[in-house]
Structure formats: structure tokens, C-alpha cells
Amino acid sequence: MHAVERPEAIDTRLVFRVYTWIAVVGGFWVFSWGGSRERFPLPRVEEVDLPAVSWGRLSLFTLAAMVVVGAGCCASALAGTDNPVARRRALY
């Protein structure tokens, strides 16, 4: 393999950094925005009902937002990887 950088190659480090910012900022924004039923009334979904939990549906919503933040944190760690082949494989 040649050590020459190809112009058509994707800069995976930049991709992971952009994904990190979008996922972390967006996830925290959704997490803080979805905390009020008055500002964001959740739709009635009869399949997902947690009657024993007072804010059951909202907790599932905020949990999904934190999963996105966790994916952003993983992307941040992958952006710090020095091996470009490993970053490319992780991108898929």
C-alpha cells in the first residue's frame, strides 16, 4: 500500500468528530427539551404502557436520548484512534 493520501478518501476522523458533536449536543437537547409534558406532550402509544411508572413513556423517550449521547461518546473515542483502517472499519 502506498503512503500517499487519496483525495477521494473519506476523512473518518472528521466524520467521527462531526457525529460526536451532533449526537452529544442533539441528545442533551432532546433530553432537556423532553422533560416537560406541557412543552412536549407525548403521543398516546397503547403498545408501550408503563402503568406502574408515573412518567413511563417520558422515561423511555429520555432513555433513547441518552443512548444517542452514548453513541456520540463512542464516536469520540473512535476519532482518537490512530489506525485509519480501524477507523474506516468502525465507520461501517
C-alpha atoms as a PDB file:
ATOM      1  CA  MET A   1       0.000   0.000   0.000  1.00  0.00           C
ATOM      2  CA  HIS A   2       1.192   3.479  -0.766  1.00  0.00           C
ATOM      3  CA  ALA A   3       1.514   6.111   1.928  1.00  0.00           C
ATOM      4  CA  VAL A   4       0.059   8.723  -0.431  1.00  0.00           C
ATOM      5  CA  GLU A   5      -3.203  10.220   0.742  1.00  0.00           C
ATOM      6  CA  ARG A   6      -6.017   9.786  -1.771  1.00  0.00           C
ATOM      7  CA  PRO A   7      -8.163  12.873  -2.392  1.00  0.00           C
ATOM      8  CA  GLU A   8     -11.332  10.789  -2.767  1.00  0.00           C
ATOM      9  CA  ALA A   9     -10.817   9.034   0.571  1.00  0.00           C
ATOM     10  CA  ILE A  10     -13.130   9.950   3.425  1.00  0.00           C
ATOM     11  CA  ASP A  11     -11.522  11.600   6.422  1.00  0.00           C
ATOM     12  CA  THR A  12     -13.016   9.271   9.025  1.00  0.00           C
ATOM     13  CA  ARG A  13     -11.592  11.258  11.917  1.00  0.00           C
ATOM     14  CA  LEU A  14     -13.587  14.297  10.782  1.00  0.00           C
ATOM     15  CA  VAL A  15     -16.699  12.167  10.273  1.00  0.00           C
ATOM     16  CA  PHE A  16     -16.468  10.834  13.817  1.00  0.00           C
ATOM     17  CA  ARG A  17     -15.858  14.306  15.270  1.00  0.00           C
ATOM     18  CA  VAL A  18     -18.856  15.790  13.458  1.00  0.00           C
ATOM     19  CA  TYR A  19     -21.021  12.856  14.543  1.00  0.00           C
ATOM     20  CA  THR A  20     -19.808  13.323  18.113  1.00  0.00           C
ATOM     21  CA  TRP A  21     -20.890  16.960  18.219  1.00  0.00           C
ATOM     22  CA  ILE A  22     -24.238  16.311  16.562  1.00  0.00           C
ATOM     23  CA  ALA A  23     -25.078  13.291  18.737  1.00  0.00           C
ATOM     24  CA  VAL A  24     -23.965  14.735  22.074  1.00  0.00           C
ATOM     25  CA  VAL A  25     -25.451  18.205  21.625  1.00  0.00           C
ATOM     26  CA  GLY A  26     -28.611  16.864  19.991  1.00  0.00           C
ATOM     27  CA  GLY A  27     -29.075  14.138  22.590  1.00  0.00           C
ATOM     28  CA  PHE A  28     -28.692  16.530  25.512  1.00  0.00           C
ATOM     29  CA  TRP A  29     -31.024  18.997  23.812  1.00  0.00           C
ATOM     30  CA  VAL A  30     -33.709  16.321  23.329  1.00  0.00           C
ATOM     31  CA  PHE A  31     -33.141  15.102  26.887  1.00  0.00           C
ATOM     32  CA  SER A  32     -33.647  18.556  28.386  1.00  0.00           C
ATOM     33  CA  TRP A  33     -36.415  19.559  25.977  1.00  0.00           C
ATOM     34  CA  GLY A  34     -38.493  16.428  26.550  1.00  0.00           C
ATOM     35  CA  GLY A  35     -38.577  16.840  30.320  1.00  0.00           C
ATOM     36  CA  SER A  36     -41.835  18.772  30.368  1.00  0.00           C
ATOM     37  CA  ARG A  37     -45.203  17.363  29.381  1.00  0.00           C
ATOM     38  CA  GLU A  38     -46.553  20.866  28.908  1.00  0.00           C
ATOM     39  CA  ARG A  39     -43.954  21.770  26.288  1.00  0.00           C
ATOM     40  CA  PHE A  40     -43.855  18.346  24.653  1.00  0.00           C
ATOM     41  CA  PRO A  41     -46.981  16.207  25.019  1.00  0.00           C
ATOM     42  CA  LEU A  42     -46.083  12.652  24.127  1.00  0.00           C
ATOM     43  CA  PRO A  43     -48.437  10.828  21.787  1.00  0.00           C
ATOM     44  CA  ARG A  44     -50.597   8.062  23.145  1.00  0.00           C
ATOM     45  CA  VAL A  45     -48.975   4.778  22.244  1.00  0.00           C
ATOM     46  CA  GLU A  46     -51.007   1.914  23.630  1.00  0.00           C
ATOM     47  CA  GLU A  47     -48.370  -0.755  22.946  1.00  0.00           C
ATOM     48  CA  VAL A  48     -45.841   0.909  25.247  1.00  0.00           C
ATOM     49  CA  ASP A  49     -47.623   1.479  28.506  1.00  0.00           C
ATOM     50  CA  LEU A  50     -45.946   1.515  31.882  1.00  0.00           C
ATOM     51  CA  PRO A  51     -48.810   1.996  34.335  1.00  0.00           C
ATOM     52  CA  ALA A  52     -46.673   1.497  37.441  1.00  0.00           C
ATOM     53  CA  VAL A  53     -44.262   4.257  36.452  1.00  0.00           C
ATOM     54  CA  SER A  54     -45.679   7.757  36.724  1.00  0.00           C
ATOM     55  CA  TRP A  55     -43.650   9.161  33.799  1.00  0.00           C
ATOM     56  CA  GLY A  56     -43.134   5.860  31.972  1.00  0.00           C
ATOM     57  CA  ARG A  57     -43.357   6.984  28.365  1.00  0.00           C
ATOM     58  CA  LEU A  58     -41.273  10.066  29.047  1.00  0.00           C
ATOM     59  CA  SER A  59     -38.608   7.933  30.686  1.00  0.00           C
ATOM     60  CA  LEU A  60     -38.348   5.804  27.534  1.00  0.00           C
ATOM     61  CA  PHE A  61     -38.005   8.989  25.485  1.00  0.00           C
ATOM     62  CA  THR A  62     -35.213  10.376  27.654  1.00  0.00           C
ATOM     63  CA  LEU A  63     -33.510   6.974  27.748  1.00  0.00           C
ATOM     64  CA  ALA A  64     -33.408   6.958  23.939  1.00  0.00           C
ATOM     65  CA  ALA A  65     -31.860  10.445  24.010  1.00  0.00           C
ATOM     66  CA  MET A  66     -29.137   9.242  26.362  1.00  0.00           C
ATOM     67  CA  VAL A  67     -28.419   6.260  24.088  1.00  0.00           C
ATOM     68  CA  VAL A  68     -27.714   8.791  21.320  1.00  0.00           C
ATOM     69  CA  VAL A  69     -25.369  10.668  23.673  1.00  0.00           C
ATOM     70  CA  GLY A  70     -23.617   7.381  24.460  1.00  0.00           C
ATOM     71  CA  ALA A  71     -23.151   6.700  20.752  1.00  0.00           C
ATOM     72  CA  GLY A  72     -21.620  10.163  20.436  1.00  0.00           C
ATOM     73  CA  CYS A  73     -19.188   9.379  23.240  1.00  0.00           C
ATOM     74  CA  CYS A  74     -18.178   6.159  21.477  1.00  0.00           C
ATOM     75  CA  ALA A  75     -17.625   8.123  18.261  1.00  0.00           C
ATOM     76  CA  SER A  76     -15.385  10.498  20.189  1.00  0.00           C
ATOM     77  CA  ALA A  77     -13.241   7.585  21.314  1.00  0.00           C
ATOM     78  CA  LEU A  78     -13.112   6.207  17.769  1.00  0.00           C
ATOM     79  CA  ALA A  79     -11.973   9.601  16.464  1.00  0.00           C
ATOM     80  CA  GLY A  80      -8.908   9.313  18.691  1.00  0.00           C
ATOM     81  CA  THR A  81      -7.845   6.011  17.156  1.00  0.00           C
ATOM     82  CA  ASP A  82      -4.562   6.324  15.252  1.00  0.00           C
ATOM     83  CA  ASN A  83      -5.131   3.434  12.850  1.00  0.00           C
ATOM     84  CA  PRO A  84      -7.062   4.709   9.790  1.00  0.00           C
ATOM     85  CA  VAL A  85      -8.030   1.187   8.710  1.00  0.00           C
ATOM     86  CA  ALA A  86      -9.639   0.522  12.091  1.00  0.00           C
ATOM     87  CA  ARG A  87     -11.497   3.848  11.929  1.00  0.00           C
ATOM     88  CA  ARG A  88     -12.786   3.025   8.451  1.00  0.00           C
ATOM     89  CA  ARG A  89     -13.992  -0.394   9.611  1.00  0.00           C
ATOM     90  CA  ALA A  90     -15.677   1.152  12.650  1.00  0.00           C
ATOM     91  CA  LEU A  91     -17.414   3.686  10.420  1.00  0.00           C
ATOM     92  CA  TYR A  92     -19.470   0.919   8.871  1.00  0.00           C
END
